[in-house]
N, C-alpha and C. Protein backbone atom coordinates (compact mmCIF):
# COMPACT_ATOMS: atom_id res chain seq x y z
N UNK A 1 78.52 150.54 162.60
CA UNK A 1 77.37 151.10 163.78
C UNK A 1 76.57 152.16 163.03
N UNK A 2 77.40 153.05 162.37
CA UNK A 2 76.34 153.98 161.72
C UNK A 2 75.54 153.60 160.75
N UNK A 3 75.87 152.85 159.88
CA UNK A 3 75.14 152.09 158.72
C UNK A 3 73.84 151.52 159.49
N UNK A 4 74.28 150.64 160.46
CA UNK A 4 73.08 149.86 161.12
C UNK A 4 72.12 150.89 161.59
N UNK A 5 72.57 151.84 162.40
CA UNK A 5 71.13 152.95 162.88
C UNK A 5 70.51 153.56 161.79
N UNK A 6 71.40 154.07 160.51
CA UNK A 6 70.69 154.60 159.33
C UNK A 6 69.66 153.44 158.53
N UNK A 7 70.06 152.52 158.79
CA UNK A 7 69.29 151.49 157.93
C UNK A 7 67.98 150.96 158.93
N UNK A 8 68.10 150.88 160.19
CA UNK A 8 67.19 150.42 160.85
C UNK A 8 66.18 151.81 161.03
N UNK A 9 66.48 153.26 161.18
CA UNK A 9 65.60 154.23 161.18
C UNK A 9 65.26 154.61 159.68
N UNK A 10 65.89 154.72 158.88
CA UNK A 10 65.34 155.38 157.69
C UNK A 10 64.72 154.24 156.81
N UNK A 11 64.87 152.84 157.08
CA UNK A 11 64.08 151.61 156.37
C UNK A 11 64.73 151.64 155.15
N UNK A 12 65.90 151.73 154.98
CA UNK A 12 66.92 151.32 153.28
C UNK A 12 67.50 150.46 153.53
N UNK A 13 67.88 150.06 152.34
CA UNK A 13 68.79 149.07 151.92
C UNK A 13 70.09 149.40 151.98
N UNK A 14 71.00 148.30 152.27
CA UNK A 14 72.45 148.58 151.83
C UNK A 14 72.97 149.56 151.35
N UNK A 15 72.25 149.26 149.63
CA UNK A 15 73.12 150.23 148.52
C UNK A 15 72.38 151.67 148.88
N UNK A 16 71.13 151.97 149.49
CA UNK A 16 70.97 153.14 149.54
C UNK A 16 71.31 153.91 150.73
N UNK A 17 71.87 152.94 151.78
CA UNK A 17 72.66 153.54 152.86
C UNK A 17 73.78 154.09 152.74
N UNK A 18 74.31 153.67 152.03
CA UNK A 18 75.97 153.97 151.46
C UNK A 18 75.72 155.67 151.09
N UNK A 19 74.66 155.87 150.04
CA UNK A 19 74.96 157.44 149.29
C UNK A 19 74.32 158.33 150.75
N UNK A 20 73.25 157.68 151.52
CA UNK A 20 72.96 158.47 152.83
C UNK A 20 73.91 158.62 153.53
N UNK A 21 74.82 157.77 153.60
CA UNK A 21 76.11 157.93 154.75
C UNK A 21 77.11 159.17 154.16
N UNK A 22 77.31 159.29 152.86
CA UNK A 22 78.00 159.89 152.30
C UNK A 22 77.29 161.38 152.49
N UNK A 23 76.28 161.55 152.56
CA UNK A 23 75.63 162.82 152.85
C UNK A 23 75.65 163.27 154.21
N UNK A 24 75.41 162.24 155.02
CA UNK A 24 75.76 162.70 156.45
C UNK A 24 76.87 162.89 156.60
N UNK A 25 77.63 162.60 156.44
CA UNK A 25 79.52 162.76 156.81
C UNK A 25 79.64 163.81 156.22
N UNK A 26 79.32 164.47 155.00
CA UNK A 26 79.45 165.41 154.53
C UNK A 26 78.63 166.95 155.25
N UNK A 27 77.60 166.57 155.42
CA UNK A 27 76.74 167.49 156.03
C UNK A 27 75.81 167.81 154.93
N UNK A 28 75.38 167.08 153.90
CA UNK A 28 74.65 167.50 152.95
C UNK A 28 73.17 166.66 153.25
N UNK A 29 73.29 165.76 154.17
CA UNK A 29 71.84 165.28 154.23
C UNK A 29 70.89 166.05 155.25
N UNK A 30 69.74 166.18 154.60
CA UNK A 30 68.64 167.44 155.14
C UNK A 30 67.35 166.79 155.45
N UNK A 31 66.70 167.70 156.31
CA UNK A 31 65.40 167.05 156.36
C UNK A 31 65.30 168.32 157.71
N UNK A 32 63.77 167.97 158.09
CA UNK A 32 63.30 169.04 159.04
C UNK A 32 63.92 169.04 160.30
N UNK A 33 63.82 169.94 161.13
CA UNK A 33 64.76 169.88 162.18
C UNK A 33 64.42 168.94 163.40
N UNK A 34 63.14 168.54 163.42
CA UNK A 34 62.49 167.50 164.07
C UNK A 34 63.04 166.01 163.47
N UNK A 35 62.95 166.13 162.37
CA UNK A 35 63.66 164.76 161.82
C UNK A 35 65.09 164.47 162.08
N UNK A 36 65.67 165.65 161.92
CA UNK A 36 67.31 165.21 161.88
C UNK A 36 67.92 165.30 163.49
N UNK A 37 66.79 166.06 164.34
CA UNK A 37 66.85 165.85 165.92
C UNK A 37 66.85 164.49 166.42
N UNK A 38 65.60 163.75 165.76
CA UNK A 38 65.47 162.54 165.82
C UNK A 38 66.31 161.51 165.64
N UNK A 39 67.07 161.75 164.70
CA UNK A 39 68.03 160.72 163.81
C UNK A 39 69.43 160.76 164.63
N UNK A 40 69.63 162.06 164.95
CA UNK A 40 70.90 162.53 166.05
C UNK A 40 70.65 161.64 167.27
N UNK A 41 69.60 162.04 167.54
CA UNK A 41 69.57 161.11 168.92
C UNK A 41 69.78 159.40 169.02
N UNK A 42 69.05 158.69 168.07
CA UNK A 42 69.27 157.71 168.02
C UNK A 42 70.77 157.13 167.62
N UNK A 43 71.43 158.12 166.65
CA UNK A 43 72.74 157.89 166.44
C UNK A 43 73.47 157.96 167.88
N UNK A 44 73.32 159.14 168.78
CA UNK A 44 74.02 159.21 169.82
C UNK A 44 73.53 158.08 170.99
N UNK A 45 72.69 157.44 170.97
CA UNK A 45 72.12 156.47 171.84
C UNK A 45 72.94 155.18 171.42
N UNK A 46 73.39 155.09 170.02
CA UNK A 46 74.36 154.20 169.68
C UNK A 46 76.02 154.27 169.92
N UNK A 47 76.26 155.63 170.66
CA UNK A 47 77.31 155.83 170.66
C UNK A 47 77.93 156.52 169.70
N UNK A 48 77.51 157.10 168.66
CA UNK A 48 77.88 157.95 167.64
C UNK A 48 77.98 159.85 167.93
N UNK A 49 78.81 159.94 167.95
CA UNK A 49 78.83 161.83 168.12
C UNK A 49 78.04 162.25 167.19
N UNK A 50 76.87 162.77 167.31
CA UNK A 50 75.71 163.22 166.24
C UNK A 50 74.95 164.93 166.65
N UNK A 51 74.98 165.68 165.75
CA UNK A 51 74.47 166.73 166.03
C UNK A 51 73.54 167.37 164.83
N UNK A 52 72.42 167.95 165.21
CA UNK A 52 71.57 168.15 164.22
C UNK A 52 71.53 169.81 164.31
N UNK A 53 71.79 170.26 163.02
CA UNK A 53 72.37 171.74 163.19
C UNK A 53 71.60 172.28 161.80
N UNK A 54 71.30 173.60 161.86
CA UNK A 54 70.47 174.15 160.50
C UNK A 54 71.89 174.73 159.52
N UNK A 55 71.50 174.63 158.50
CA UNK A 55 72.59 174.94 157.32
C UNK A 55 72.92 176.58 157.85
């Protein structure tokens, strides 16, 4: 499910989403706070626990 949300929201393909998923799970994925909160909201709406946090 998380890969589906990432692909849809980021507009990336399957190969790219695997790399992004790895970054998300390790906390290395970065962006502006509004971007991260938007993505976290989309993930939560899909039933995935997600929090946008500053490093």
